[in-house]
Amino acid sequence: MVVIVALALGVALAIQAWVVKPYQIPSGSMEPTLDVGQRVLVNRFVYRLDEPSVGDIVVFHPPEGAETAPQCGVDAPQGEACPRPTPNASSQTFIKRIVAVGGDALSIKEGHPVVNGVEKTDEPYTKPCGGAYVCNLPKTIKIPPGYFFMMGDNRGESDDSRYWGPVPKSWIIGEAFATYWPPDRIGTL
């Protein structure tokens, strides 16, 4: 009996460590898509076979310090999103949506990403940006190869890559693919 319990525990821990892991949404930065306290399942294996892409909702480690006092890794000129993160990853985890990938040219207009000169206004899953200074960042930055620019769906209330820069693929834990709590929000993302 002890061997069966130990084996079951080992399999469960292995699945959580390498395949699927649950996370709880800690803030309102992804509203209305994900609410505070909602729980999601994250596929930790998918990006070993495929590249993250625009539109994916991902769990990742932000740059060190992003959870307390967001700072850019370089001095970003006024009117420009942060082009580089600080060099080390935080131990915290964030969840955001990828809006641009390595090689893309990006600016922000009324909270919407303008990627390679095309404004993405077909984002029904977002809340309007409001009046925060990061709602309009007209100066274009280039996303470095292998990096991903993240934004929360609650554009006026999200600390995201606009403040602390794009993140490298190695900091991405996985893609959120389903919600399992509360029961009335169970479904795929």
C-alpha atoms as a PDB file:
ATOM      1  CA  MET A   1       0.000   0.000   0.000  1.00  0.00           C
ATOM      2  CA  VAL A   2       2.817   2.427   0.860  1.00  0.00           C
ATOM      3  CA  VAL A   3       4.486   1.714  -2.498  1.00  0.00           C
ATOM      4  CA  ILE A   4       1.262   2.485  -4.401  1.00  0.00           C
ATOM      5  CA  VAL A   5       0.766   5.778  -2.536  1.00  0.00           C
ATOM      6  CA  ALA A   6       4.416   6.752  -3.089  1.00  0.00           C
ATOM      7  CA  LEU A   7       4.163   5.866  -6.777  1.00  0.00           C
ATOM      8  CA  ALA A   8       0.932   7.859  -7.199  1.00  0.00           C
ATOM      9  CA  LEU A   9       2.472  10.842  -5.412  1.00  0.00           C
ATOM     10  CA  GLY A  10       5.590  10.611  -7.595  1.00  0.00           C
ATOM     11  CA  VAL A  11       3.524  10.520 -10.812  1.00  0.00           C
ATOM     12  CA  ALA A  12       1.416  13.485  -9.664  1.00  0.00           C
ATOM     13  CA  LEU A  13       4.521  15.530  -8.820  1.00  0.00           C
ATOM     14  CA  ALA A  14       6.179  14.634 -12.131  1.00  0.00           C
ATOM     15  CA  ILE A  15       3.092  15.698 -14.097  1.00  0.00           C
ATOM     16  CA  GLN A  16       2.972  19.008 -12.217  1.00  0.00           C
ATOM     17  CA  ALA A  17       6.708  19.600 -12.655  1.00  0.00           C
ATOM     18  CA  TRP A  18       6.929  18.841 -16.378  1.00  0.00           C
ATOM     19  CA  VAL A  19       3.491  18.714 -17.996  1.00  0.00           C
ATOM     20  CA  VAL A  20       0.552  20.586 -16.387  1.00  0.00           C
ATOM     21  CA  LYS A  21       0.598  22.896 -13.384  1.00  0.00           C
ATOM     22  CA  PRO A  22      -2.245  24.824 -11.724  1.00  0.00           C
ATOM     23  CA  TYR A  23      -1.957  28.562 -11.004  1.00  0.00           C
ATOM     24  CA  GLN A  24      -4.214  31.044  -9.227  1.00  0.00           C
ATOM     25  CA  ILE A  25      -4.772  34.510 -10.722  1.00  0.00           C
ATOM     26  CA  PRO A  26      -3.327  37.005  -8.190  1.00  0.00           C
ATOM     27  CA  SER A  27      -4.440  40.362  -9.628  1.00  0.00           C
ATOM     28  CA  GLY A  28      -6.928  42.076 -11.905  1.00  0.00           C
ATOM     29  CA  SER A  29      -4.409  42.624 -14.720  1.00  0.00           C
ATOM     30  CA  MET A  30      -6.036  39.998 -16.973  1.00  0.00           C
ATOM     31  CA  GLU A  31      -9.667  41.072 -16.430  1.00  0.00           C
ATOM     32  CA  PRO A  32     -12.104  40.502 -18.033  1.00  0.00           C
ATOM     33  CA  THR A  33     -10.503  37.297 -19.392  1.00  0.00           C
ATOM     34  CA  LEU A  34      -9.382  36.033 -15.972  1.00  0.00           C
ATOM     35  CA  ASP A  35     -10.666  37.229 -12.598  1.00  0.00           C
ATOM     36  CA  VAL A  36      -8.765  37.544  -9.325  1.00  0.00           C
ATOM     37  CA  GLY A  37      -8.762  34.142  -7.598  1.00  0.00           C
ATOM     38  CA  GLN A  38      -9.668  32.218 -10.734  1.00  0.00           C
ATOM     39  CA  ARG A  39      -7.552  29.117 -11.295  1.00  0.00           C
ATOM     40  CA  VAL A  40      -5.965  28.023 -14.560  1.00  0.00           C
ATOM     41  CA  LEU A  41      -4.074  25.019 -15.860  1.00  0.00           C
ATOM     42  CA  VAL A  42      -0.767  25.693 -17.594  1.00  0.00           C
ATOM     43  CA  ASN A  43       0.821  23.411 -20.183  1.00  0.00           C
ATOM     44  CA  ARG A  44       4.518  23.376 -19.234  1.00  0.00           C
ATOM     45  CA  PHE A  45       5.486  21.107 -22.122  1.00  0.00           C
ATOM     46  CA  VAL A  46       4.023  22.858 -25.189  1.00  0.00           C
ATOM     47  CA  TYR A  47       6.889  25.312 -25.734  1.00  0.00           C
ATOM     48  CA  ARG A  48       9.430  22.521 -25.892  1.00  0.00           C
ATOM     49  CA  LEU A  49       7.761  21.530 -29.176  1.00  0.00           C
ATOM     50  CA  ASP A  50       6.529  24.895 -30.454  1.00  0.00           C
ATOM     51  CA  GLU A  51       7.268  28.604 -30.173  1.00  0.00           C
ATOM     52  CA  PRO A  52       5.068  30.954 -28.135  1.00  0.00           C
ATOM     53  CA  SER A  53       2.967  33.158 -30.411  1.00  0.00           C
ATOM     54  CA  VAL A  54       0.933  36.350 -30.354  1.00  0.00           C
ATOM     55  CA  GLY A  55      -2.337  35.822 -28.506  1.00  0.00           C
ATOM     56  CA  ASP A  56      -1.050  33.080 -26.181  1.00  0.00           C
ATOM     57  CA  ILE A  57      -1.799  33.608 -22.488  1.00  0.00           C
ATOM     58  CA  VAL A  58       1.352  32.558 -20.659  1.00  0.00           C
ATOM     59  CA  VAL A  59       2.687  32.142 -17.147  1.00  0.00           C
ATOM     60  CA  PHE A  60       6.256  33.354 -16.824  1.00  0.00           C
ATOM     61  CA  HIS A  61       8.864  34.846 -14.526  1.00  0.00           C
ATOM     62  CA  PRO A  62       9.018  38.627 -14.988  1.00  0.00           C
ATOM     63  CA  PRO A  63      12.271  40.543 -14.655  1.00  0.00           C
ATOM     64  CA  GLU A  64      13.576  40.844 -11.110  1.00  0.00           C
ATOM     65  CA  GLY A  65      11.885  43.707  -9.294  1.00  0.00           C
ATOM     66  CA  ALA A  66       8.802  43.783 -11.545  1.00  0.00           C
ATOM     67  CA  GLU A  67       6.589  42.554  -8.700  1.00  0.00           C
ATOM     68  CA  THR A  68       7.458  45.468  -6.396  1.00  0.00           C
ATOM     69  CA  ALA A  69       8.814  48.420  -8.364  1.00  0.00           C
ATOM     70  CA  PRO A  70       8.687  47.898 -12.128  1.00  0.00           C
ATOM     71  CA  GLN A  71      11.869  49.100 -13.742  1.00  0.00           C
ATOM     72  CA  CYS A  72      13.258  48.941 -17.220  1.00  0.00           C
ATOM     73  CA  GLY A  73      16.624  47.337 -17.905  1.00  0.00           C
ATOM     74  CA  VAL A  74      17.740  50.451 -19.812  1.00  0.00           C
ATOM     75  CA  ASP A  75      16.797  54.126 -19.805  1.00  0.00           C
ATOM     76  CA  ALA A  76      13.791  54.160 -22.118  1.00  0.00           C
ATOM     77  CA  PRO A  77      13.062  57.518 -23.727  1.00  0.00           C
ATOM     78  CA  GLN A  78       9.749  59.164 -22.879  1.00  0.00           C
ATOM     79  CA  GLY A  79       6.971  57.873 -25.147  1.00  0.00           C
ATOM     80  CA  GLU A  80       8.606  54.462 -25.613  1.00  0.00           C
ATOM     81  CA  ALA A  81       7.835  51.072 -24.067  1.00  0.00           C
ATOM     82  CA  CYS A  82      10.701  49.464 -22.189  1.00  0.00           C
ATOM     83  CA  PRO A  83      12.884  47.754 -24.826  1.00  0.00           C
ATOM     84  CA  ARG A  84      15.002  45.564 -22.469  1.00  0.00           C
ATOM     85  CA  PRO A  85      14.350  43.874 -19.115  1.00  0.00           C
ATOM     86  CA  THR A  86      16.683  43.832 -16.142  1.00  0.00           C
ATOM     87  CA  PRO A  87      19.092  40.883 -16.515  1.00  0.00           C
ATOM     88  CA  ASN A  88      17.670  38.458 -13.945  1.00  0.00           C
ATOM     89  CA  ALA A  89      14.304  36.721 -13.641  1.00  0.00           C
ATOM     90  CA  SER A  90      12.167  37.092 -10.543  1.00  0.00           C
ATOM     91  CA  SER A  91      11.090  34.028  -8.576  1.00  0.00           C
ATOM     92  CA  GLN A  92       7.487  35.323  -8.814  1.00  0.00           C
ATOM     93  CA  THR A  93       5.145  34.258 -11.595  1.00  0.00           C
ATOM     94  CA  PHE A  94       2.938  36.520 -13.719  1.00  0.00           C
ATOM     95  CA  ILE A  95       0.272  35.727 -16.291  1.00  0.00           C
ATOM     96  CA  LYS A  96      -0.174  37.941 -19.376  1.00  0.00           C
ATOM     97  CA  ARG A  97      -0.945  37.781 -23.093  1.00  0.00           C
ATOM     98  CA  ILE A  98       1.826  37.814 -25.718  1.00  0.00           C
ATOM     99  CA  VAL A  99       1.281  40.796 -28.049  1.00  0.00           C
ATOM    100  CA  ALA A 100       4.593  40.837 -29.969  1.00  0.00           C
ATOM    101  CA  VAL A 101       7.489  38.444 -30.608  1.00  0.00           C
ATOM    102  CA  GLY A 102      11.180  38.728 -31.432  1.00  0.00           C
ATOM    103  CA  GLY A 103      11.833  40.783 -34.548  1.00  0.00           C
ATOM    104  CA  ASP A 104       8.572  42.757 -34.307  1.00  0.00           C
ATOM    105  CA  ALA A 105       8.501  46.564 -34.236  1.00  0.00           C
ATOM    106  CA  LEU A 106       6.104  47.711 -31.502  1.00  0.00           C
ATOM    107  CA  SER A 107       4.445  50.883 -30.287  1.00  0.00           C
ATOM    108  CA  ILE A 108       1.262  51.374 -28.232  1.00  0.00           C
ATOM    109  CA  LYS A 109      -1.815  53.409 -29.254  1.00  0.00           C
ATOM    110  CA  GLU A 110      -4.746  53.795 -26.850  1.00  0.00           C
ATOM    111  CA  GLY A 111      -3.673  50.610 -25.091  1.00  0.00           C
ATOM    112  CA  HIS A 112      -3.528  48.543 -28.284  1.00  0.00           C
ATOM    113  CA  PRO A 113      -0.270  47.143 -29.652  1.00  0.00           C
ATOM    114  CA  VAL A 114       0.821  48.494 -33.010  1.00  0.00           C
ATOM    115  CA  VAL A 115       2.936  45.659 -34.410  1.00  0.00           C
ATOM    116  CA  ASN A 116       4.950  46.228 -37.567  1.00  0.00           C
ATOM    117  CA  GLY A 117       2.807  49.287 -38.310  1.00  0.00           C
ATOM    118  CA  VAL A 118      -0.551  47.505 -37.888  1.00  0.00           C
ATOM    119  CA  GLU A 119      -2.728  48.513 -34.925  1.00  0.00           C
ATOM    120  CA  LYS A 120      -4.449  45.535 -33.321  1.00  0.00           C
ATOM    121  CA  THR A 121      -7.852  46.960 -32.431  1.00  0.00           C
ATOM    122  CA  ASP A 122      -9.784  43.670 -32.683  1.00  0.00           C
ATOM    123  CA  GLU A 123      -9.220  42.807 -29.019  1.00  0.00           C
ATOM    124  CA  PRO A 124     -12.713  42.267 -27.545  1.00  0.00           C
ATOM    125  CA  TYR A 125     -11.124  40.549 -24.525  1.00  0.00           C
ATOM    126  CA  THR A 126      -9.501  43.785 -23.266  1.00  0.00           C
ATOM    127  CA  LYS A 127     -10.649  46.558 -20.953  1.00  0.00           C
ATOM    128  CA  PRO A 128     -10.026  50.076 -22.282  1.00  0.00           C
ATOM    129  CA  CYS A 129      -6.717  51.571 -21.283  1.00  0.00           C
ATOM    130  CA  GLY A 130      -7.910  54.850 -19.789  1.00  0.00           C
ATOM    131  CA  GLY A 131      -5.519  57.698 -19.146  1.00  0.00           C
ATOM    132  CA  ALA A 132      -2.340  56.031 -17.885  1.00  0.00           C
ATOM    133  CA  TYR A 133       0.816  57.263 -19.613  1.00  0.00           C
ATOM    134  CA  VAL A 134       1.509  53.720 -20.880  1.00  0.00           C
ATOM    135  CA  CYS A 135      -1.707  53.829 -22.937  1.00  0.00           C
ATOM    136  CA  ASN A 136       0.105  55.784 -25.648  1.00  0.00           C
ATOM    137  CA  LEU A 137       3.742  54.986 -26.346  1.00  0.00           C
ATOM    138  CA  PRO A 138       4.175  56.174 -29.950  1.00  0.00           C
ATOM    139  CA  LYS A 139       7.928  55.616 -30.255  1.00  0.00           C
ATOM    140  CA  THR A 140       8.650  52.225 -31.821  1.00  0.00           C
ATOM    141  CA  ILE A 141      10.874  49.635 -30.160  1.00  0.00           C
ATOM    142  CA  LYS A 142      12.252  46.445 -31.715  1.00  0.00           C
ATOM    143  CA  ILE A 143      11.621  43.213 -29.808  1.00  0.00           C
ATOM    144  CA  PRO A 144      14.909  41.265 -29.595  1.00  0.00           C
ATOM    145  CA  PRO A 145      15.029  37.768 -31.157  1.00  0.00           C
ATOM    146  CA  GLY A 146      13.923  35.126 -28.647  1.00  0.00           C
ATOM    147  CA  TYR A 147      11.984  37.665 -26.528  1.00  0.00           C
ATOM    148  CA  PHE A 148       8.247  38.193 -26.045  1.00  0.00           C
ATOM    149  CA  PHE A 149       6.317  41.367 -25.208  1.00  0.00           C
ATOM    150  CA  MET A 150       3.534  40.770 -22.659  1.00  0.00           C
ATOM    151  CA  MET A 151       0.464  42.857 -21.840  1.00  0.00           C
ATOM    152  CA  GLY A 152      -2.418  42.278 -19.466  1.00  0.00           C
ATOM    153  CA  ASP A 153      -5.944  42.381 -20.895  1.00  0.00           C
ATOM    154  CA  ASN A 154      -6.854  45.075 -18.349  1.00  0.00           C
ATOM    155  CA  ARG A 155      -4.658  47.552 -20.231  1.00  0.00           C
ATOM    156  CA  GLY A 156      -4.978  50.499 -17.837  1.00  0.00           C
ATOM    157  CA  GLU A 157      -4.351  48.404 -14.711  1.00  0.00           C
ATOM    158  CA  SER A 158      -1.581  46.025 -15.753  1.00  0.00           C
ATOM    159  CA  ASP A 159       2.094  46.186 -14.855  1.00  0.00           C
ATOM    160  CA  ASP A 160       3.550  44.501 -17.904  1.00  0.00           C
ATOM    161  CA  SER A 161       6.257  44.674 -20.566  1.00  0.00           C
ATOM    162  CA  ARG A 162       5.452  48.332 -21.184  1.00  0.00           C
ATOM    163  CA  TYR A 163       7.147  49.019 -17.821  1.00  0.00           C
ATOM    164  CA  TRP A 164       9.776  46.257 -17.532  1.00  0.00           C
ATOM    165  CA  GLY A 165      10.426  45.052 -21.077  1.00  0.00           C
ATOM    166  CA  PRO A 166      10.032  41.870 -23.113  1.00  0.00           C
ATOM    167  CA  VAL A 167      10.987  38.544 -21.542  1.00  0.00           C
ATOM    168  CA  PRO A 168      13.169  35.779 -22.967  1.00  0.00           C
ATOM    169  CA  LYS A 169      11.663  32.400 -23.813  1.00  0.00           C
ATOM    170  CA  SER A 170      13.661  30.777 -21.005  1.00  0.00           C
ATOM    171  CA  TRP A 171      11.569  32.722 -18.454  1.00  0.00           C
ATOM    172  CA  ILE A 172       8.256  31.412 -19.865  1.00  0.00           C
ATOM    173  CA  ILE A 173       6.834  28.532 -17.820  1.00  0.00           C
ATOM    174  CA  GLY A 174       4.012  27.584 -20.161  1.00  0.00           C
ATOM    175  CA  GLU A 175       0.708  28.399 -21.823  1.00  0.00           C
ATOM    176  CA  ALA A 176      -2.521  28.722 -19.843  1.00  0.00           C
ATOM    177  CA  PHE A 177      -5.056  26.567 -21.669  1.00  0.00           C
ATOM    178  CA  ALA A 178      -8.028  26.050 -19.325  1.00  0.00           C
ATOM    179  CA  THR A 179      -9.767  27.364 -16.229  1.00  0.00           C
ATOM    180  CA  TYR A 180     -10.997  24.992 -13.554  1.00  0.00           C
ATOM    181  CA  TRP A 181     -12.189  27.262 -10.736  1.00  0.00           C
ATOM    182  CA  PRO A 182     -14.712  28.675  -9.959  1.00  0.00           C
ATOM    183  CA  PRO A 183     -17.125  26.126 -11.429  1.00  0.00           C
ATOM    184  CA  ASP A 184     -19.099  28.713 -13.410  1.00  0.00           C
ATOM    185  CA  ARG A 185     -15.899  29.725 -15.268  1.00  0.00           C
ATOM    186  CA  ILE A 186     -14.682  26.229 -16.218  1.00  0.00           C
ATOM    187  CA  GLY A 187     -13.550  26.134 -19.832  1.00  0.00           C
ATOM    188  CA  THR A 188     -10.752  26.579 -22.307  1.00  0.00           C
ATOM    189  CA  LEU A 189      -8.898  29.828 -22.930  1.00  0.00           C
END
